[in-house]
Amino acid sequence: MDLWVLTLFIFAGVAGGLLLGLIGVGMALVTVPFLTFMLPSLGFSAEVAPVIALGSSMLIAAIGSVSSLRVHHQKGTINWGLIRLMLPASLFGVVAGSLLVTRLPALWLQSIFAAFLLYVAFSMLQPASPKTAQLQQPPSNQLLRWFPALVGATGSFIGAGGGVLMVPFLSRFMAMPKAVASSVAVGFPVTVFGAISYMLQTAPVNHPDLIGAVYWPAVLGMSIGSVVAAPLGVQLATKVPAALLKKLFACVLLLIALKMLLSF
């Protein structure tokens, strides 16, 4: 692998790590579009690039979450009781979703990714009414147990731990910094299980740098950048107002979604 390619991977990892620490998501928002557009220039066909991007992103997100999770835990912003309640269904959802993803056409994967980001972004940009400006009561334990299955499945379709869905859900009944921290705590084991699932599947194309659907040079470079940058993002998250965090979150999603749609 050329040095300039590794450098690009590292810088992409820095961008994703900052977003991961700041808003609880970010690796997939950077890695999936970046690898989808980058892999064809490295000899992969456009048809297999989205699947490899998703599989690689899942492992990159898992590695990048480690440092972010450690800092959140030290700050005491993770609701571990809630995590234990939500985790089993999340793991089920990500494994089931990853098995389905490898059987879908590339255009479907890009369309699903872009459409979902647009939906979440516009939802979060809506001005809060007087009734929704205040934190709501936590949902029932039944919903808390089973909603994460959808989060896990969504994570497999976007190459991450599902924070893009988990953060808005949690932020309805807990402060944004705690929602971000708890989302990272759920997302870490989800990305680990998802990455293993992608690696155990048959590679979409024969290539020496592939294990299953995971492209190791990208994992190496982007993980280095994310591990360095994620703690800085966590530090910034405690200093930025919650309302601004939500707007930043939504604007990032809009930019990535539009880029994906314009690439069709």
Protein backbone atom coordinates (compact mmCIF):
# COMPACT_ATOMS: atom_id res chain seq x y z
CA MET A 1 0.00 0.00 0.00
CA ASP A 2 1.32 3.43 -0.96
CA LEU A 3 2.22 5.86 1.80
CA TRP A 4 -0.19 8.49 0.46
CA VAL A 5 -3.08 6.01 0.66
CA LEU A 6 -2.22 5.16 4.28
CA THR A 7 -2.03 8.89 5.04
CA LEU A 8 -5.49 9.43 3.58
CA PHE A 9 -6.83 6.58 5.70
CA ILE A 10 -5.27 8.10 8.84
CA PHE A 11 -6.75 11.55 8.20
CA ALA A 12 -10.18 10.02 7.53
CA GLY A 13 -9.85 8.17 10.83
CA VAL A 14 -9.06 11.43 12.64
CA ALA A 15 -12.23 13.02 11.27
CA GLY A 16 -14.32 10.01 12.24
CA GLY A 17 -12.77 9.78 15.70
CA LEU A 18 -13.54 13.42 16.46
CA LEU A 19 -17.19 12.93 15.50
CA LEU A 20 -17.41 9.67 17.46
CA GLY A 21 -16.23 11.31 20.65
CA LEU A 22 -18.25 14.47 20.10
CA ILE A 23 -21.68 13.15 19.08
CA GLY A 24 -21.55 9.40 19.68
CA VAL A 25 -21.39 8.52 15.99
CA GLY A 26 -18.96 9.47 13.30
CA MET A 27 -16.80 6.59 12.16
CA ALA A 28 -19.41 5.20 9.77
CA LEU A 29 -20.33 8.68 8.59
CA VAL A 30 -16.75 9.07 7.40
CA THR A 31 -15.53 5.55 6.66
CA VAL A 32 -18.45 4.19 4.63
CA PRO A 33 -18.68 7.05 2.08
CA PHE A 34 -14.90 7.47 2.02
CA LEU A 35 -14.22 3.78 1.34
CA THR A 36 -17.13 3.48 -1.08
CA PHE A 37 -15.56 6.19 -3.21
CA MET A 38 -11.93 5.22 -2.54
CA LEU A 39 -11.95 1.45 -3.07
CA PRO A 40 -12.61 1.54 -6.85
CA SER A 41 -9.36 3.53 -7.27
CA LEU A 42 -7.57 0.71 -5.42
CA GLY A 43 -8.72 -1.98 -7.83
CA PHE A 44 -12.09 -2.99 -6.35
CA SER A 45 -15.25 -2.89 -8.44
CA ALA A 46 -17.98 -0.40 -7.61
CA GLU A 47 -20.33 -3.32 -7.01
CA VAL A 48 -18.37 -4.79 -4.08
CA ALA A 49 -17.07 -1.50 -2.64
CA PRO A 50 -20.13 -0.75 -0.43
CA VAL A 51 -20.08 -4.16 1.27
CA ILE A 52 -16.33 -3.94 1.93
CA ALA A 53 -16.82 -0.38 3.21
CA LEU A 54 -19.50 -1.55 5.66
CA GLY A 55 -17.49 -4.51 6.93
CA SER A 56 -14.30 -2.49 7.33
CA SER A 57 -16.17 0.37 8.97
CA MET A 58 -17.61 -1.97 11.57
CA LEU A 59 -14.14 -3.06 12.73
CA ILE A 60 -12.76 0.50 12.54
CA ALA A 61 -15.66 1.74 14.67
CA ALA A 62 -15.02 -0.99 17.25
CA ILE A 63 -11.35 -0.05 17.58
CA GLY A 64 -12.07 3.67 17.60
CA SER A 65 -14.71 3.25 20.31
CA VAL A 66 -12.24 1.88 22.85
CA SER A 67 -10.58 5.17 23.74
CA SER A 68 -13.87 7.07 23.58
CA LEU A 69 -15.55 4.51 25.85
CA ARG A 70 -12.73 4.71 28.37
CA VAL A 71 -12.99 8.50 28.67
CA HIS A 72 -16.80 8.41 28.98
CA HIS A 73 -16.50 5.79 31.74
CA GLN A 74 -13.96 7.92 33.63
CA LYS A 75 -16.35 10.87 33.47
CA GLY A 76 -19.20 8.75 34.85
CA THR A 77 -21.62 9.63 32.04
CA ILE A 78 -22.54 6.04 31.07
CA ASN A 79 -25.76 4.50 32.41
CA TRP A 80 -24.50 0.92 32.84
CA GLY A 81 -27.83 -0.40 34.10
CA LEU A 82 -29.46 0.76 30.87
CA ILE A 83 -26.64 -0.79 28.84
CA ARG A 84 -27.17 -4.22 30.40
CA LEU A 85 -30.86 -3.99 29.55
CA MET A 86 -30.33 -2.99 25.91
CA LEU A 87 -27.28 -4.99 24.90
CA PRO A 88 -28.66 -8.51 24.14
CA ALA A 89 -31.14 -7.35 21.50
CA SER A 90 -28.51 -5.06 19.96
CA LEU A 91 -26.14 -7.99 19.40
CA PHE A 92 -28.91 -10.07 17.86
CA GLY A 93 -29.85 -7.25 15.50
CA VAL A 94 -26.33 -6.59 14.21
CA VAL A 95 -25.60 -10.26 13.44
CA ALA A 96 -28.92 -10.71 11.63
CA GLY A 97 -28.43 -7.47 9.70
CA SER A 98 -24.89 -8.28 8.58
CA LEU A 99 -26.06 -11.58 7.13
CA LEU A 100 -28.67 -9.72 5.07
CA VAL A 101 -26.41 -6.87 3.92
CA THR A 102 -24.06 -9.10 1.93
CA ARG A 103 -27.01 -10.31 -0.14
CA LEU A 104 -28.24 -6.87 -1.25
CA PRO A 105 -27.15 -4.95 -4.40
CA ALA A 106 -24.69 -2.10 -3.94
CA LEU A 107 -27.21 0.52 -5.10
CA TRP A 108 -29.66 -0.63 -2.43
CA LEU A 109 -27.05 -0.30 0.28
CA GLN A 110 -26.13 3.25 -0.73
CA SER A 111 -29.80 4.23 -1.01
CA ILE A 112 -30.64 2.83 2.42
CA PHE A 113 -27.64 4.55 3.96
CA ALA A 114 -28.46 7.95 2.43
CA ALA A 115 -32.23 7.83 3.06
CA PHE A 116 -31.81 6.92 6.70
CA LEU A 117 -29.33 9.71 7.33
CA LEU A 118 -31.68 12.25 5.74
CA TYR A 119 -34.59 11.10 7.91
CA VAL A 120 -32.63 11.36 11.15
CA ALA A 121 -31.06 14.69 10.19
CA PHE A 122 -34.35 16.41 9.36
CA SER A 123 -35.94 14.97 12.50
CA MET A 124 -33.24 16.46 14.70
CA LEU A 125 -33.34 19.84 12.95
CA GLN A 126 -37.02 20.29 13.77
CA PRO A 127 -37.47 23.00 16.42
CA ALA A 128 -38.47 21.62 19.78
CA SER A 129 -42.01 22.43 20.90
CA PRO A 130 -42.63 23.45 24.53
CA LYS A 131 -43.75 19.90 25.25
CA THR A 132 -40.67 18.25 23.78
CA ALA A 133 -38.09 20.78 24.92
CA GLN A 134 -38.02 19.09 28.34
CA LEU A 135 -36.72 15.57 28.84
CA GLN A 136 -39.44 12.95 28.66
CA GLN A 137 -40.05 10.04 30.98
CA PRO A 138 -38.01 6.92 30.11
CA PRO A 139 -39.92 4.41 27.94
CA SER A 140 -41.01 1.03 29.23
CA ASN A 141 -38.45 -1.68 29.92
CA GLN A 142 -40.05 -3.72 27.15
CA LEU A 143 -39.24 -1.04 24.57
CA LEU A 144 -35.76 -0.57 26.03
CA ARG A 145 -35.13 -4.30 25.63
CA TRP A 146 -36.30 -4.66 22.03
CA PHE A 147 -35.65 -1.30 20.36
CA PRO A 148 -31.89 -2.05 20.36
CA ALA A 149 -32.50 -4.95 17.96
CA LEU A 150 -33.47 -2.35 15.36
CA VAL A 151 -30.42 -0.30 16.36
CA GLY A 152 -28.13 -3.29 15.87
CA ALA A 153 -29.65 -4.14 12.50
CA THR A 154 -29.34 -0.51 11.44
CA GLY A 155 -25.72 -0.54 12.53
CA SER A 156 -24.97 -3.42 10.17
CA PHE A 157 -26.43 -1.41 7.28
CA ILE A 158 -24.35 1.68 8.05
CA GLY A 159 -21.16 0.01 9.28
CA ALA A 160 -21.32 1.20 12.89
CA GLY A 161 -22.86 0.54 16.27
CA GLY A 162 -26.18 2.20 15.47
CA GLY A 163 -25.48 5.46 17.28
CA VAL A 164 -27.18 7.32 14.45
CA LEU A 165 -30.45 5.89 15.79
CA MET A 166 -29.52 5.34 19.43
CA VAL A 167 -28.43 8.93 20.18
CA PRO A 168 -31.74 10.56 19.12
CA PHE A 169 -33.66 7.85 21.02
CA LEU A 170 -31.73 8.25 24.27
CA SER A 171 -31.62 12.05 24.06
CA ARG A 172 -35.40 12.15 24.45
CA PHE A 173 -35.14 11.11 28.11
CA MET A 174 -31.54 11.87 29.15
CA ALA A 175 -29.10 14.75 28.71
CA MET A 176 -27.23 14.76 25.42
CA PRO A 177 -23.75 14.04 26.90
CA LYS A 178 -25.15 10.98 28.72
CA ALA A 179 -27.02 9.88 25.60
CA VAL A 180 -23.80 10.07 23.60
CA ALA A 181 -21.84 8.16 26.26
CA SER A 182 -24.45 5.42 26.63
CA SER A 183 -24.72 5.09 22.85
CA VAL A 184 -20.97 4.51 22.63
CA ALA A 185 -21.21 1.89 25.41
CA VAL A 186 -23.90 -0.04 23.53
CA GLY A 187 -22.19 0.47 20.19
CA PHE A 188 -18.82 -1.00 21.18
CA PRO A 189 -19.90 -4.65 21.63
CA VAL A 190 -22.29 -4.26 18.70
CA THR A 191 -19.44 -3.25 16.39
CA VAL A 192 -17.24 -6.06 17.70
CA PHE A 193 -19.91 -8.67 16.97
CA GLY A 194 -20.69 -7.05 13.62
CA ALA A 195 -17.03 -7.02 12.57
CA ILE A 196 -16.64 -10.69 13.48
CA SER A 197 -19.75 -11.51 11.48
CA TYR A 198 -18.41 -9.70 8.40
CA MET A 199 -15.00 -11.37 8.72
CA LEU A 200 -16.51 -14.85 8.93
CA GLN A 201 -18.49 -14.41 5.72
CA THR A 202 -17.17 -15.28 2.27
CA ALA A 203 -15.14 -12.44 0.78
CA PRO A 204 -17.05 -10.63 -2.00
CA VAL A 205 -13.92 -10.81 -4.20
CA ASN A 206 -10.55 -12.56 -4.00
CA HIS A 207 -7.97 -10.13 -2.62
CA PRO A 208 -4.94 -10.69 -0.36
CA ASP A 209 -5.87 -7.80 1.94
CA LEU A 210 -9.42 -8.98 2.57
CA ILE A 211 -10.63 -11.14 5.44
CA GLY A 212 -14.26 -11.72 4.67
CA ALA A 213 -15.58 -8.26 3.81
CA VAL A 214 -12.94 -6.41 5.87
CA TYR A 215 -10.14 -4.52 4.10
CA TRP A 216 -7.20 -4.50 6.52
CA PRO A 217 -5.13 -1.56 5.15
CA ALA A 218 -8.13 0.73 5.70
CA VAL A 219 -8.71 -0.71 9.16
CA LEU A 220 -5.08 -0.07 10.12
CA GLY A 221 -4.84 3.52 8.88
CA MET A 222 -8.27 4.73 9.97
CA SER A 223 -8.03 3.04 13.37
CA ILE A 224 -4.77 4.89 14.11
CA GLY A 225 -6.43 8.21 13.34
CA SER A 226 -9.63 7.46 15.28
CA VAL A 227 -7.89 6.23 18.43
CA VAL A 228 -5.87 9.44 18.57
CA ALA A 229 -8.80 11.78 17.87
CA ALA A 230 -11.74 10.20 19.76
CA PRO A 231 -10.65 11.32 23.27
CA LEU A 232 -10.39 14.90 22.01
CA GLY A 233 -13.95 14.64 20.71
CA VAL A 234 -15.13 13.43 24.13
CA GLN A 235 -13.49 16.43 25.80
CA LEU A 236 -15.21 18.79 23.36
CA ALA A 237 -18.60 17.12 23.96
CA THR A 238 -18.61 18.21 27.62
CA LYS A 239 -17.98 21.84 26.65
CA VAL A 240 -20.49 22.24 23.78
CA PRO A 241 -24.18 23.05 24.54
CA ALA A 242 -26.61 20.17 23.95
CA ALA A 243 -28.67 22.12 21.38
CA LEU A 244 -25.55 22.88 19.35
CA LEU A 245 -24.52 19.21 19.51
CA LYS A 246 -27.84 18.16 18.00
CA LYS A 247 -27.54 20.70 15.19
CA LEU A 248 -23.98 19.63 14.46
CA PHE A 249 -25.09 16.02 14.45
CA ALA A 250 -27.88 16.75 11.96
CA CYS A 251 -25.74 18.88 9.63
CA VAL A 252 -23.07 16.20 9.38
CA LEU A 253 -25.73 13.63 8.45
CA LEU A 254 -27.17 15.91 5.76
CA LEU A 255 -23.80 16.48 4.12
CA ILE A 256 -22.95 12.79 4.01
CA ALA A 257 -26.40 11.79 2.73
CA LEU A 258 -26.31 14.35 -0.08
CA LYS A 259 -22.85 13.20 -1.10
CA MET A 260 -24.05 9.59 -1.25
CA LEU A 261 -27.13 10.51 -3.31
CA LEU A 262 -25.15 12.61 -5.78
CA SER A 263 -22.79 9.67 -6.42
CA PHE A 264 -25.52 7.49 -7.97
